[in-house]
Amino acid sequence: MNTWGVAKKWKEMCEKGKNLECINELYAENVVSKEMPGMPGEVVTGKQNVWNKSKEWIDSVENIHASSISNPLVAGNFFTAKMDFDCTFKKGGRQKMEEVCVYEVKDGKITSEQYFYTM
């Protein structure tokens, strides 16, 4: 699958709430995930660890009031999208978040993801 195919499938799966299945299917074993500097899980490596990080985030959410994902923008082996969330967290209350996500694709698999946001 080329970068556009991966980006399209990623968006479809995430919009259906299949984030963990997305990691299982589309991520490389040696994927690297980067959050903003100083955030918990700032750099996580390996598919299982990224899956665990995502599961932990999902489990921390009490309610998703609204969410959206922009259409991916593809350039070479990279794609990006903007994600918006309005969530109530079990610890921390309701928060509105917006982030830009950048992914790198090699050999049909996501090999890196990086998130840019302000908290």
Protein backbone atom coordinates (compact mmCIF):
# COMPACT_ATOMS: atom_id res chain seq x y z
CA MET A 1 0.00 0.00 0.00
CA ASN A 2 1.34 3.44 -0.87
CA THR A 3 1.30 6.46 1.47
CA TRP A 4 -2.07 7.70 0.20
CA GLY A 5 -3.62 4.24 0.71
CA VAL A 6 -2.26 4.04 4.27
CA ALA A 7 -3.48 7.59 5.04
CA LYS A 8 -6.97 6.85 3.70
CA LYS A 9 -7.23 3.56 5.64
CA TRP A 10 -5.87 5.26 8.81
CA LYS A 11 -8.57 7.95 8.62
CA GLU A 12 -11.36 5.44 7.96
CA MET A 13 -10.34 3.25 10.90
CA CYS A 14 -9.87 6.15 13.33
CA GLU A 15 -13.24 7.67 12.40
CA LYS A 16 -14.88 4.33 13.23
CA GLY A 17 -13.14 4.23 16.63
CA LYS A 18 -10.89 1.38 15.52
CA ASN A 19 -7.69 3.05 16.73
CA LEU A 20 -6.18 -0.08 18.26
CA GLU A 21 -7.04 -2.19 15.22
CA CYS A 22 -5.42 0.53 13.12
CA ILE A 23 -2.16 0.13 15.04
CA ASN A 24 -2.32 -3.65 14.62
CA GLU A 25 -2.89 -3.39 10.87
CA LEU A 26 -1.03 -0.30 9.69
CA TYR A 27 1.93 0.20 12.04
CA ALA A 28 5.45 -1.21 11.63
CA GLU A 29 6.90 -3.30 14.46
CA ASN A 30 9.59 -0.66 15.10
CA VAL A 31 7.28 2.39 15.00
CA VAL A 32 8.31 5.49 16.96
CA SER A 33 5.64 7.71 18.55
CA LYS A 34 6.44 11.25 19.75
CA GLU A 35 4.33 13.52 21.93
CA MET A 36 5.14 17.14 22.78
CA PRO A 37 8.33 17.61 24.84
CA GLY A 38 7.74 17.06 28.55
CA MET A 39 4.47 15.17 28.07
CA PRO A 40 4.02 11.65 29.48
CA GLY A 41 5.10 9.07 26.91
CA GLU A 42 7.15 11.72 25.12
CA VAL A 43 8.89 9.04 23.00
CA VAL A 44 7.54 5.50 22.74
CA THR A 45 9.05 2.84 20.49
CA GLY A 46 7.68 -0.47 19.26
CA LYS A 47 4.21 -1.40 18.04
CA GLN A 48 3.09 -3.04 21.29
CA ASN A 49 4.21 -0.05 23.38
CA VAL A 50 2.43 2.38 21.04
CA TRP A 51 -0.69 0.17 21.23
CA ASN A 52 -0.45 0.21 25.06
CA LYS A 53 -0.08 4.02 25.07
CA SER A 54 -3.17 4.39 22.87
CA LYS A 55 -5.16 1.95 25.01
CA GLU A 56 -4.22 3.91 28.13
CA TRP A 57 -5.46 7.14 26.51
CA ILE A 58 -8.72 5.49 25.40
CA ASP A 59 -9.25 4.08 28.91
CA SER A 60 -8.69 7.54 30.44
CA VAL A 61 -11.65 9.00 28.52
CA GLU A 62 -15.04 8.98 30.18
CA ASN A 63 -16.97 10.50 27.26
CA ILE A 64 -16.21 11.82 23.77
CA HIS A 65 -18.64 14.65 23.08
CA ALA A 66 -17.27 15.43 19.60
CA SER A 67 -14.31 14.54 17.42
CA SER A 68 -13.16 15.16 13.86
CA ILE A 69 -10.27 14.25 11.60
CA SER A 70 -9.39 16.31 8.54
CA ASN A 71 -8.69 14.71 5.21
CA PRO A 72 -5.05 13.59 5.09
CA LEU A 73 -2.52 15.67 3.19
CA VAL A 74 0.16 13.50 1.56
CA ALA A 75 3.70 14.49 0.56
CA GLY A 76 6.04 11.68 -0.47
CA ASN A 77 6.30 9.19 2.40
CA PHE A 78 4.53 11.51 4.86
CA PHE A 79 0.94 12.40 5.62
CA THR A 80 -0.60 14.78 8.07
CA ALA A 81 -4.07 15.45 9.45
CA LYS A 82 -5.68 17.72 12.03
CA MET A 83 -7.62 16.07 14.84
CA ASP A 84 -10.10 17.79 17.17
CA PHE A 85 -11.55 16.30 20.34
CA ASP A 86 -14.01 17.43 22.98
CA CYS A 87 -13.60 14.83 25.75
CA THR A 88 -14.37 14.35 29.40
CA PHE A 89 -11.51 12.52 31.09
CA LYS A 90 -12.00 10.35 34.16
CA LYS A 91 -9.29 12.39 35.88
CA GLY A 92 -9.16 15.94 34.60
CA GLY A 93 -12.67 16.81 33.47
CA ARG A 94 -13.75 18.09 30.10
CA GLN A 95 -11.15 19.34 27.64
CA LYS A 96 -11.18 20.51 24.06
CA MET A 97 -8.06 19.53 22.17
CA GLU A 98 -6.74 20.11 18.68
CA GLU A 99 -3.59 18.61 17.27
CA VAL A 100 -1.67 18.16 14.07
CA CYS A 101 -0.46 14.61 13.46
CA VAL A 102 2.43 13.75 11.14
CA TYR A 103 3.04 10.17 10.02
CA GLU A 104 5.83 8.57 8.01
CA VAL A 105 5.14 5.50 5.85
CA LYS A 106 7.73 3.00 4.63
CA ASP A 107 6.95 -0.27 2.85
CA GLY A 108 3.21 0.24 3.40
CA LYS A 109 3.46 0.66 7.20
CA ILE A 110 3.48 3.67 9.52
CA THR A 111 7.01 3.90 10.94
CA SER A 112 6.65 7.13 12.90
CA GLU A 113 3.97 9.38 14.30
CA GLN A 114 4.38 12.78 15.91
CA TYR A 115 1.73 14.93 17.56
CA PHE A 116 1.80 18.73 17.86
CA TYR A 117 -0.64 20.43 20.24
CA THR A 118 -1.08 22.98 23.00
CA MET A 119 -2.57 21.91 26.33
